[in-house]
Amino acid sequence: MKNILFSLFIILLGLSAPVSAITDREDVMKWCKGHSVVASGRCIGFMLAAEDALSLGPVEGVSACIPGDITLKEMYAAVLDWLPEHPEAQAKTGLGLVSQAFAARYPCES
């Protein structure tokens, strides 16, 4: 029983490690180009969060009309094509950056 409690304590201690409050361009690029399950999961999480947020309205002043049948592969392509071409976007949040990438690929018709 002591071993289980000690293991749980170590796991929880690791989860309380300090994390940057704002995800930036470097984080999103690292995660979306990452070759680990954790990195891919973070990238997918940001893409899906941006998709959900954009379905409710603009994110950081940006709107996008993402197709309902978009695939994860298409999401990755939108983000990984746009980010390297827009280094000036460094000051935006991760969610804002992904939203901008989607807006560039999937603009709303006026």
Protein backbone atom coordinates (compact mmCIF):
# COMPACT_ATOMS: atom_id res chain seq x y z
CA MET A 1 0.00 0.00 0.00
CA LYS A 2 2.85 2.39 0.83
CA ASN A 3 4.35 1.79 -2.64
CA ILE A 4 1.06 2.68 -4.33
CA LEU A 5 0.69 5.89 -2.30
CA PHE A 6 4.30 6.84 -2.97
CA SER A 7 3.84 6.23 -6.71
CA LEU A 8 0.67 8.32 -6.72
CA PHE A 9 2.49 11.10 -4.89
CA ILE A 10 5.32 11.10 -7.45
CA ILE A 11 2.85 11.20 -10.34
CA LEU A 12 0.92 14.10 -8.80
CA LEU A 13 4.13 15.92 -8.05
CA GLY A 14 5.11 15.66 -11.71
CA LEU A 15 1.73 17.02 -12.77
CA SER A 16 2.21 20.11 -10.65
CA ALA A 17 5.36 21.16 -12.52
CA PRO A 18 5.23 24.80 -13.64
CA VAL A 19 3.84 25.37 -17.11
CA SER A 20 3.81 28.52 -19.18
CA ALA A 21 0.38 30.13 -19.06
CA ILE A 22 0.45 31.16 -22.70
CA THR A 23 1.20 28.78 -25.53
CA ASP A 24 3.12 30.51 -28.29
CA ARG A 25 4.16 29.86 -31.87
CA GLU A 26 7.22 27.85 -30.84
CA ASP A 27 5.11 25.51 -28.69
CA VAL A 28 2.55 24.88 -31.43
CA MET A 29 5.26 24.20 -34.03
CA LYS A 30 7.12 21.88 -31.66
CA TRP A 31 3.96 19.92 -30.86
CA CYS A 32 2.63 19.72 -34.40
CA LYS A 33 5.99 18.64 -35.78
CA GLY A 34 6.66 16.42 -32.78
CA HIS A 35 7.22 12.74 -33.10
CA SER A 36 5.81 11.70 -29.76
CA VAL A 37 2.30 10.77 -28.75
CA VAL A 38 2.26 13.56 -26.17
CA ALA A 39 3.32 16.22 -28.70
CA SER A 40 0.78 15.02 -31.25
CA GLY A 41 -1.92 14.99 -28.59
CA ARG A 42 -1.19 18.58 -27.63
CA CYS A 43 -1.28 19.66 -31.27
CA ILE A 44 -4.56 17.83 -31.88
CA GLY A 45 -5.96 19.39 -28.72
CA PHE A 46 -5.18 22.90 -29.92
CA MET A 47 -6.58 22.22 -33.37
CA LEU A 48 -9.82 20.80 -32.01
CA ALA A 49 -10.14 23.61 -29.45
CA ALA A 50 -9.67 26.19 -32.21
CA GLU A 51 -12.23 24.41 -34.38
CA ASP A 52 -14.75 24.43 -31.53
CA ALA A 53 -14.06 28.05 -30.57
CA LEU A 54 -14.32 29.24 -34.18
CA SER A 55 -17.68 27.51 -34.53
CA LEU A 56 -18.97 29.89 -31.82
CA GLY A 57 -17.45 33.09 -33.21
CA PRO A 58 -14.18 34.91 -33.82
CA VAL A 59 -11.03 33.97 -31.91
CA GLU A 60 -8.71 36.93 -31.33
CA GLY A 61 -10.65 38.80 -34.02
CA VAL A 62 -10.31 36.00 -36.57
CA SER A 63 -13.16 34.04 -38.16
CA ALA A 64 -12.93 30.83 -40.13
CA CYS A 65 -15.50 28.60 -41.79
CA ILE A 66 -14.07 25.14 -41.26
CA PRO A 67 -15.77 22.36 -43.22
CA GLY A 68 -17.71 19.89 -41.09
CA ASP A 69 -15.94 16.96 -42.71
CA ILE A 70 -12.37 18.22 -42.17
CA THR A 71 -9.85 15.54 -41.27
CA LEU A 72 -6.99 15.75 -38.78
CA LYS A 73 -4.59 15.45 -41.70
CA GLU A 74 -6.15 18.56 -43.29
CA MET A 75 -5.96 20.40 -39.96
CA TYR A 76 -2.28 19.53 -39.60
CA ALA A 77 -1.63 20.72 -43.17
CA ALA A 78 -3.39 24.04 -42.55
CA VAL A 79 -1.34 24.71 -39.42
CA LEU A 80 2.02 23.43 -40.66
CA ASP A 81 1.73 25.25 -44.00
CA TRP A 82 0.73 28.58 -42.46
CA LEU A 83 2.98 28.89 -39.37
CA PRO A 84 6.40 28.82 -41.10
CA GLU A 85 5.19 31.39 -43.64
CA HIS A 86 4.11 33.83 -40.92
CA PRO A 87 6.95 34.32 -38.43
CA GLU A 88 5.51 37.73 -37.50
CA ALA A 89 2.75 35.90 -35.64
CA GLN A 90 5.08 35.20 -32.69
CA ALA A 91 3.13 37.30 -30.18
CA LYS A 92 -0.18 35.51 -30.67
CA THR A 93 -1.46 32.76 -28.39
CA GLY A 94 -1.42 29.16 -29.57
CA LEU A 95 -5.18 29.13 -29.99
CA GLY A 96 -5.03 32.39 -31.93
CA LEU A 97 -2.28 31.07 -34.18
CA VAL A 98 -4.14 27.89 -35.02
CA SER A 99 -7.27 29.97 -35.64
CA GLN A 100 -5.35 32.23 -38.03
CA ALA A 101 -4.04 29.20 -39.89
CA PHE A 102 -7.58 27.86 -40.25
CA ALA A 103 -8.87 31.28 -41.36
CA ALA A 104 -6.23 31.44 -44.08
CA ARG A 105 -7.17 27.99 -45.35
CA TYR A 106 -10.93 28.21 -44.74
CA PRO A 107 -12.05 31.85 -45.04
CA CYS A 108 -15.72 32.65 -44.59
CA GLU A 109 -17.57 33.85 -47.67
CA SER A 110 -18.81 37.40 -47.27
